[in-house]
Amino acid sequence: MVQHLRASGVAVRPATTHGVGRDPMTVLREAERIARQDPDGFDTVWLLIDVDDHAHLAECLRAATDKSFNAVVSHPCF
């Protein structure tokens, strides 16, 4: 996306959640962990979550909003 938009000054740091499940709350916790490591290094945090039948999707979206994180839910799932 950064290359496509030719966005200079943008750094993307992927969150690795392999081995800990696919629950959206896991993605949120990993984003929090990365953001805490460099509190001054992020203007914004985005979560990209698959729309699969997750029991905690709504809870994750509310929690992301409470933390001022942005969230995008893909549909159809990828």
PDB file of N, CA and C in Angstrom:
ATOM      1  N   MET A   1       0.823  -1.181   0.000  1.00  0.00           N
ATOM      2  CA  MET A   1       0.000   0.000   0.000  1.00  0.00           C
ATOM      3  C   MET A   1       0.870   1.249   0.000  1.00  0.00           C
ATOM      4  N   VAL A   2       1.929   1.228   0.814  1.00  0.00           N
ATOM      5  CA  VAL A   2       2.828   2.373   0.883  1.00  0.00           C
ATOM      6  C   VAL A   2       3.450   2.639  -0.482  1.00  0.00           C
ATOM      7  N   GLN A   3       3.904   1.581  -1.143  1.00  0.00           N
ATOM      8  CA  GLN A   3       4.507   1.742  -2.462  1.00  0.00           C
ATOM      9  C   GLN A   3       3.473   2.207  -3.475  1.00  0.00           C
ATOM     10  N   HIS A   4       2.293   1.631  -3.425  1.00  0.00           N
ATOM     11  CA  HIS A   4       1.246   1.986  -4.378  1.00  0.00           C
ATOM     12  C   HIS A   4       0.878   3.472  -4.270  1.00  0.00           C
ATOM     13  N   LEU A   5       0.768   3.957  -3.057  1.00  0.00           N
ATOM     14  CA  LEU A   5       0.393   5.355  -2.834  1.00  0.00           C
ATOM     15  C   LEU A   5       1.587   6.298  -2.872  1.00  0.00           C
ATOM     16  N   ARG A   6       2.774   5.717  -2.989  1.00  0.00           N
ATOM     17  CA  ARG A   6       4.013   6.505  -2.965  1.00  0.00           C
ATOM     18  C   ARG A   6       4.060   7.402  -1.725  1.00  0.00           C
ATOM     19  N   ALA A   7       3.738   6.797  -0.612  1.00  0.00           N
ATOM     20  CA  ALA A   7       3.657   7.522   0.660  1.00  0.00           C
ATOM     21  C   ALA A   7       5.030   7.568   1.320  1.00  0.00           C
ATOM     22  N   SER A   8       5.672   8.698   1.246  1.00  0.00           N
ATOM     23  CA  SER A   8       6.974   8.834   1.897  1.00  0.00           C
ATOM     24  C   SER A   8       6.755   9.115   3.382  1.00  0.00           C
ATOM     25  N   GLY A   9       7.691   8.684   4.162  1.00  0.00           N
ATOM     26  CA  GLY A   9       7.595   8.907   5.600  1.00  0.00           C
ATOM     27  C   GLY A   9       6.658   7.953   6.304  1.00  0.00           C
ATOM     28  N   VAL A  10       6.239   6.898   5.626  1.00  0.00           N
ATOM     29  CA  VAL A  10       5.329   5.917   6.214  1.00  0.00           C
ATOM     30  C   VAL A  10       6.094   4.626   6.453  1.00  0.00           C
ATOM     31  N   ALA A  11       5.976   4.085   7.635  1.00  0.00           N
ATOM     32  CA  ALA A  11       6.597   2.801   7.947  1.00  0.00           C
ATOM     33  C   ALA A  11       5.504   1.841   8.389  1.00  0.00           C
ATOM     34  N   VAL A  12       5.484   0.678   7.796  1.00  0.00           N
ATOM     35  CA  VAL A  12       4.498  -0.339   8.145  1.00  0.00           C
ATOM     36  C   VAL A  12       5.207  -1.416   8.944  1.00  0.00           C
ATOM     37  N   ARG A  13       4.654  -1.746  10.084  1.00  0.00           N
ATOM     38  CA  ARG A  13       5.211  -2.805  10.928  1.00  0.00           C
ATOM     39  C   ARG A  13       4.149  -3.877  11.094  1.00  0.00           C
ATOM     40  N   PRO A  14       4.327  -5.001  10.439  1.00  0.00           N
ATOM     41  CA  PRO A  14       3.312  -6.057  10.551  1.00  0.00           C
ATOM     42  C   PRO A  14       3.340  -6.704  11.928  1.00  0.00           C
ATOM     43  N   ALA A  15       2.177  -7.072  12.396  1.00  0.00           N
ATOM     44  CA  ALA A  15       2.052  -7.795  13.660  1.00  0.00           C
ATOM     45  C   ALA A  15       2.042  -9.280  13.352  1.00  0.00           C
ATOM     46  N   THR A  16       2.906 -10.013  13.976  1.00  0.00           N
ATOM     47  CA  THR A  16       2.992 -11.452  13.749  1.00  0.00           C
ATOM     48  C   THR A  16       2.209 -12.159  14.842  1.00  0.00           C
ATOM     49  N   THR A  17       1.184 -12.878  14.456  1.00  0.00           N
ATOM     50  CA  THR A  17       0.353 -13.565  15.448  1.00  0.00           C
ATOM     51  C   THR A  17       0.352 -15.073  15.260  1.00  0.00           C
ATOM     52  N   HIS A  18       1.251 -15.591  14.423  1.00  0.00           N
ATOM     53  CA  HIS A  18       1.264 -17.031  14.196  1.00  0.00           C
ATOM     54  C   HIS A  18       1.566 -17.759  15.500  1.00  0.00           C
ATOM     55  N   GLY A  19       0.944 -18.892  15.664  1.00  0.00           N
ATOM     56  CA  GLY A  19       1.183 -19.695  16.851  1.00  0.00           C
ATOM     57  C   GLY A  19       0.371 -19.283  18.064  1.00  0.00           C
ATOM     58  N   VAL A  20      -0.395 -18.204  17.968  1.00  0.00           N
ATOM     59  CA  VAL A  20      -1.200 -17.763  19.110  1.00  0.00           C
ATOM     60  C   VAL A  20      -2.684 -17.708  18.768  1.00  0.00           C
ATOM     61  N   GLY A  21      -3.064 -18.223  17.637  1.00  0.00           N
ATOM     62  CA  GLY A  21      -4.474 -18.246  17.265  1.00  0.00           C
ATOM     63  C   GLY A  21      -4.836 -17.117  16.336  1.00  0.00           C
ATOM     64  N   ARG A  22      -6.079 -17.102  15.935  1.00  0.00           N
ATOM     65  CA  ARG A  22      -6.537 -16.118  14.963  1.00  0.00           C
ATOM     66  C   ARG A  22      -7.616 -15.202  15.522  1.00  0.00           C
ATOM     67  N   ASP A  23      -7.825 -15.245  16.791  1.00  0.00           N
ATOM     68  CA  ASP A  23      -8.839 -14.406  17.414  1.00  0.00           C
ATOM     69  C   ASP A  23      -8.468 -12.930  17.243  1.00  0.00           C
ATOM     70  N   PRO A  24      -9.418 -12.075  16.876  1.00  0.00           N
ATOM     71  CA  PRO A  24      -9.115 -10.651  16.700  1.00  0.00           C
ATOM     72  C   PRO A  24      -8.492  -9.994  17.934  1.00  0.00           C
ATOM     73  N   MET A  25      -8.846 -10.458  19.116  1.00  0.00           N
ATOM     74  CA  MET A  25      -8.265  -9.886  20.330  1.00  0.00           C
ATOM     75  C   MET A  25      -6.762 -10.150  20.393  1.00  0.00           C
ATOM     76  N   THR A  26      -6.315 -11.245  19.805  1.00  0.00           N
ATOM     77  CA  THR A  26      -4.884 -11.534  19.735  1.00  0.00           C
ATOM     78  C   THR A  26      -4.184 -10.504  18.859  1.00  0.00           C
ATOM     79  N   VAL A  27      -4.825 -10.148  17.752  1.00  0.00           N
ATOM     80  CA  VAL A  27      -4.271  -9.118  16.867  1.00  0.00           C
ATOM     81  C   VAL A  27      -4.198  -7.787  17.615  1.00  0.00           C
ATOM     82  N   LEU A  28      -5.235  -7.457  18.344  1.00  0.00           N
ATOM     83  CA  LEU A  28      -5.257  -6.212  19.115  1.00  0.00           C
ATOM     84  C   LEU A  28      -4.153  -6.194  20.167  1.00  0.00           C
ATOM     85  N   ARG A  29      -4.001  -7.291  20.902  1.00  0.00           N
ATOM     86  CA  ARG A  29      -2.957  -7.342  21.936  1.00  0.00           C
ATOM     87  C   ARG A  29      -1.561  -7.205  21.323  1.00  0.00           C
ATOM     88  N   GLU A  30      -1.348  -7.811  20.161  1.00  0.00           N
ATOM     89  CA  GLU A  30      -0.052  -7.688  19.497  1.00  0.00           C
ATOM     90  C   GLU A  30       0.186  -6.245  19.040  1.00  0.00           C
ATOM     91  N   ALA A  31      -0.838  -5.594  18.530  1.00  0.00           N
ATOM     92  CA  ALA A  31      -0.707  -4.185  18.133  1.00  0.00           C
ATOM     93  C   ALA A  31      -0.383  -3.315  19.350  1.00  0.00           C
ATOM     94  N   GLU A  32      -1.027  -3.586  20.469  1.00  0.00           N
ATOM     95  CA  GLU A  32      -0.732  -2.845  21.702  1.00  0.00           C
ATOM     96  C   GLU A  32       0.721  -3.045  22.121  1.00  0.00           C
ATOM     97  N   ARG A  33       1.192  -4.288  22.043  1.00  0.00           N
ATOM     98  CA  ARG A  33       2.562  -4.601  22.439  1.00  0.00           C
ATOM     99  C   ARG A  33       3.558  -3.827  21.562  1.00  0.00           C
ATOM    100  N   ILE A  34       3.334  -3.847  20.262  1.00  0.00           N
ATOM    101  CA  ILE A  34       4.233  -3.145  19.345  1.00  0.00           C
ATOM    102  C   ILE A  34       4.190  -1.643  19.601  1.00  0.00           C
ATOM    103  N   ALA A  35       3.010  -1.092  19.810  1.00  0.00           N
ATOM    104  CA  ALA A  35       2.873   0.346  20.059  1.00  0.00           C
ATOM    105  C   ALA A  35       3.545   0.750  21.373  1.00  0.00           C
ATOM    106  N   ARG A  36       3.471  -0.109  22.395  1.00  0.00           N
ATOM    107  CA  ARG A  36       4.117   0.199  23.683  1.00  0.00           C
ATOM    108  C   ARG A  36       5.633   0.222  23.554  1.00  0.00           C
ATOM    109  N   GLN A  37       6.192  -0.601  22.661  1.00  0.00           N
ATOM    110  CA  GLN A  37       7.641  -0.653  22.493  1.00  0.00           C
ATOM    111  C   GLN A  37       8.197   0.668  21.966  1.00  0.00           C
ATOM    112  N   ASP A  38       7.389   1.395  21.227  1.00  0.00           N
ATOM    113  CA  ASP A  38       7.848   2.656  20.624  1.00  0.00           C
ATOM    114  C   ASP A  38       6.713   3.678  20.709  1.00  0.00           C
ATOM    115  N   PRO A  39       6.415   4.179  21.913  1.00  0.00           N
ATOM    116  CA  PRO A  39       5.240   5.030  22.099  1.00  0.00           C
ATOM    117  C   PRO A  39       5.247   6.313  21.272  1.00  0.00           C
ATOM    118  N   ASP A  40       6.411   6.818  20.896  1.00  0.00           N
ATOM    119  CA  ASP A  40       6.467   8.038  20.097  1.00  0.00           C
ATOM    120  C   ASP A  40       6.627   7.750  18.611  1.00  0.00           C
ATOM    121  N   GLY A  41       6.649   6.472  18.243  1.00  0.00           N
ATOM    122  CA  GLY A  41       6.946   6.119  16.870  1.00  0.00           C
ATOM    123  C   GLY A  41       5.750   5.920  15.967  1.00  0.00           C
ATOM    124  N   PHE A  42       4.534   6.103  16.466  1.00  0.00           N
ATOM    125  CA  PHE A  42       3.352   5.837  15.660  1.00  0.00           C
ATOM    126  C   PHE A  42       2.400   7.022  15.672  1.00  0.00           C
ATOM    127  N   ASP A  43       2.012   7.472  14.483  1.00  0.00           N
ATOM    128  CA  ASP A  43       0.962   8.475  14.380  1.00  0.00           C
ATOM    129  C   ASP A  43      -0.396   7.804  14.464  1.00  0.00           C
ATOM    130  N   THR A  44      -0.470   6.588  13.960  1.00  0.00           N
ATOM    131  CA  THR A  44      -1.731   5.850  13.972  1.00  0.00           C
ATOM    132  C   THR A  44      -1.440   4.358  13.951  1.00  0.00           C
ATOM    133  N   VAL A  45      -2.353   3.590  14.491  1.00  0.00           N
ATOM    134  CA  VAL A  45      -2.253   2.126  14.495  1.00  0.00           C
ATOM    135  C   VAL A  45      -3.500   1.589  13.816  1.00  0.00           C
ATOM    136  N   TRP A  46      -3.288   0.679  12.879  1.00  0.00           N
ATOM    137  CA  TRP A  46      -4.392   0.060  12.140  1.00  0.00           C
ATOM    138  C   TRP A  46      -4.390  -1.435  12.369  1.00  0.00           C
ATOM    139  N   LEU A  47      -5.582  -1.999  12.543  1.00  0.00           N
ATOM    140  CA  LEU A  47      -5.761  -3.447  12.607  1.00  0.00           C
ATOM    141  C   LEU A  47      -6.508  -3.880  11.352  1.00  0.00           C
ATOM    142  N   LEU A  48      -6.055  -4.936  10.732  1.00  0.00           N
ATOM    143  CA  LEU A  48      -6.766  -5.536   9.600  1.00  0.00           C
ATOM    144  C   LEU A  48      -7.201  -6.916  10.053  1.00  0.00           C
ATOM    145  N   ILE A  49      -8.517  -7.109  10.114  1.00  0.00           N
ATOM    146  CA  ILE A  49      -9.072  -8.336  10.682  1.00  0.00           C
ATOM    147  C   ILE A  49      -9.975  -9.001   9.662  1.00  0.00           C
ATOM    148  N   ASP A  50      -9.811 -10.303   9.526  1.00  0.00           N
ATOM    149  CA  ASP A  50     -10.649 -11.104   8.651  1.00  0.00           C
ATOM    150  C   ASP A  50     -12.044 -11.211   9.270  1.00  0.00           C
ATOM    151  N   VAL A  51     -13.076 -11.252   8.447  1.00  0.00           N
ATOM    152  CA  VAL A  51     -14.456 -11.226   8.930  1.00  0.00           C
ATOM    153  C   VAL A  51     -14.977 -12.596   9.361  1.00  0.00           C
ATOM    154  N   ASP A  52     -14.141 -13.608   9.369  1.00  0.00           N
ATOM    155  CA  ASP A  52     -14.608 -14.942   9.776  1.00  0.00           C
ATOM    156  C   ASP A  52     -15.507 -14.859  11.010  1.00  0.00           C
ATOM    157  N   ASP A  53     -16.129 -15.936  11.325  1.00  0.00           N
ATOM    158  CA  ASP A  53     -17.078 -15.993  12.438  1.00  0.00           C
ATOM    159  C   ASP A  53     -16.341 -15.963  13.780  1.00  0.00           C
ATOM    160  N   HIS A  54     -15.879 -14.784  14.180  1.00  0.00           N
ATOM    161  CA  HIS A  54     -15.136 -14.624  15.424  1.00  0.00           C
ATOM    162  C   HIS A  54     -16.096 -14.232  16.546  1.00  0.00           C
ATOM    163  N   ALA A  55     -15.993 -14.927  17.644  1.00  0.00           N
ATOM    164  CA  ALA A  55     -16.851 -14.630  18.787  1.00  0.00           C
ATOM    165  C   ALA A  55     -16.539 -13.266  19.394  1.00  0.00           C
ATOM    166  N   HIS A  56     -15.309 -12.778  19.235  1.00  0.00           N
ATOM    167  CA  HIS A  56     -14.893 -11.542  19.901  1.00  0.00           C
ATOM    168  C   HIS A  56     -14.675 -10.377  18.949  1.00  0.00           C
ATOM    169  N   LEU A  57     -15.213 -10.450  17.725  1.00  0.00           N
ATOM    170  CA  LEU A  57     -14.975  -9.386  16.751  1.00  0.00           C
ATOM    171  C   LEU A  57     -15.521  -8.044  17.239  1.00  0.00           C
ATOM    172  N   ALA A  58     -16.763  -8.002  17.671  1.00  0.00           N
ATOM    173  CA  ALA A  58     -17.364  -6.741  18.133  1.00  0.00           C
ATOM    174  C   ALA A  58     -16.606  -6.188  19.342  1.00  0.00           C
ATOM    175  N   GLU A  59     -16.228  -7.051  20.256  1.00  0.00           N
ATOM    176  CA  GLU A  59     -15.463  -6.639  21.436  1.00  0.00           C
ATOM    177  C   GLU A  59     -14.115  -6.050  21.012  1.00  0.00           C
ATOM    178  N   CYS A  60     -13.471  -6.677  20.055  1.00  0.00           N
ATOM    179  CA  CYS A  60     -12.181  -6.192  19.561  1.00  0.00           C
ATOM    180  C   CYS A  60     -12.332  -4.813  18.924  1.00  0.00           C
ATOM    181  N   LEU A  61     -13.365  -4.621  18.116  1.00  0.00           N
ATOM    182  CA  LEU A  61     -13.564  -3.329  17.453  1.00  0.00           C
ATOM    183  C   LEU A  61     -13.830  -2.226  18.467  1.00  0.00           C
ATOM    184  N   ARG A  62     -14.617  -2.531  19.502  1.00  0.00           N
ATOM    185  CA  ARG A  62     -14.858  -1.541  20.567  1.00  0.00           C
ATOM    186  C   ARG A  62     -13.564  -1.207  21.308  1.00  0.00           C
ATOM    187  N   ALA A  63     -12.798  -2.241  21.644  1.00  0.00           N
ATOM    188  CA  ALA A  63     -11.544  -2.028  22.375  1.00  0.00           C
ATOM    189  C   ALA A  63     -10.547  -1.239  21.530  1.00  0.00           C
ATOM    190  N   ALA A  64     -10.492  -1.520  20.231  1.00  0.00           N
ATOM    191  CA  ALA A  64      -9.598  -0.773  19.342  1.00  0.00           C
ATOM    192  C   ALA A  64      -9.984   0.694  19.332  1.00  0.00           C
ATOM    193  N   THR A  65     -11.268   0.975  19.242  1.00  0.00           N
ATOM    194  CA  THR A  65     -11.750   2.362  19.258  1.00  0.00           C
ATOM    195  C   THR A  65     -11.397   3.034  20.577  1.00  0.00           C
ATOM    196  N   ASP A  66     -11.577   2.324  21.690  1.00  0.00           N
ATOM    197  CA  ASP A  66     -11.239   2.875  23.011  1.00  0.00           C
ATOM    198  C   ASP A  66      -9.763   3.245  23.107  1.00  0.00           C
ATOM    199  N   LYS A  67      -8.917   2.520  22.379  1.00  0.00           N
ATOM    200  CA  LYS A  67      -7.471   2.768  22.412  1.00  0.00           C
ATOM    201  C   LYS A  67      -7.028   3.716  21.305  1.00  0.00           C
ATOM    202  N   SER A  68      -7.991   4.267  20.565  1.00  0.00           N
ATOM    203  CA  SER A  68      -7.723   5.157  19.428  1.00  0.00           C
ATOM    204  C   SER A  68      -6.970   4.459  18.306  1.00  0.00           C
ATOM    205  N   PHE A  69      -7.166   3.142  18.192  1.00  0.00           N
ATOM    206  CA  PHE A  69      -6.638   2.380  17.064  1.00  0.00           C
ATOM    207  C   PHE A  69      -7.714   2.366  15.987  1.00  0.00           C
ATOM    208  N   ASN A  70      -7.299   2.266  14.743  1.00  0.00           N
ATOM    209  CA  ASN A  70      -8.225   2.126  13.629  1.00  0.00           C
ATOM    210  C   ASN A  70      -8.340   0.643  13.294  1.00  0.00           C
ATOM    211  N   ALA A  71      -9.515   0.218  12.858  1.00  0.00           N
ATOM    212  CA  ALA A  71      -9.693  -1.196  12.511  1.00  0.00           C
ATOM    213  C   ALA A  71     -10.449  -1.296  11.192  1.00  0.00           C
ATOM    214  N   VAL A  72      -9.993  -2.229  10.378  1.00  0.00           N
ATOM    215  CA  VAL A  72     -10.642  -2.535   9.116  1.00  0.00           C
ATOM    216  C   VAL A  72     -10.964  -4.017   9.135  1.00  0.00           C
ATOM    217  N   VAL A  73     -12.197  -4.341   8.768  1.00  0.00           N
ATOM    218  CA  VAL A  73     -12.622  -5.741   8.701  1.00  0.00           C
ATOM    219  C   VAL A  73     -12.766  -6.097   7.240  1.00  0.00           C
ATOM    220  N   SER A  74     -12.045  -7.106   6.793  1.00  0.00           N
ATOM    221  CA  SER A  74     -12.112  -7.508   5.391  1.00  0.00           C
ATOM    222  C   SER A  74     -13.358  -8.344   5.156  1.00  0.00           C
ATOM    223  N   HIS A  75     -13.994  -8.088   4.034  1.00  0.00           N
ATOM    224  CA  HIS A  75     -15.157  -8.870   3.643  1.00  0.00           C
ATOM    225  C   HIS A  75     -15.266  -8.832   2.138  1.00  0.00           C
ATOM    226  N   PRO A  76     -15.246  -9.885   1.401  1.00  0.00           N
ATOM    227  CA  PRO A  76     -15.179 -11.248   1.941  1.00  0.00           C
ATOM    228  C   PRO A  76     -13.817 -11.521   2.535  1.00  0.00           C
ATOM    229  N   CYS A  77     -13.767 -12.562   3.332  1.00  0.00           N
ATOM    230  CA  CYS A  77     -12.526 -12.879   4.026  1.00  0.00           C
ATOM    231  C   CYS A  77     -11.414 -13.200   3.026  1.00  0.00           C
ATOM    232  N   PHE A  78     -10.171 -12.991   3.455  1.00  0.00           N
ATOM    233  CA  PHE A  78      -9.043 -13.249   2.567  1.00  0.00           C
ATOM    234  C   PHE A  78      -8.317 -14.501   2.977  1.00  0.00           C
TER     235      PHE A  78
END
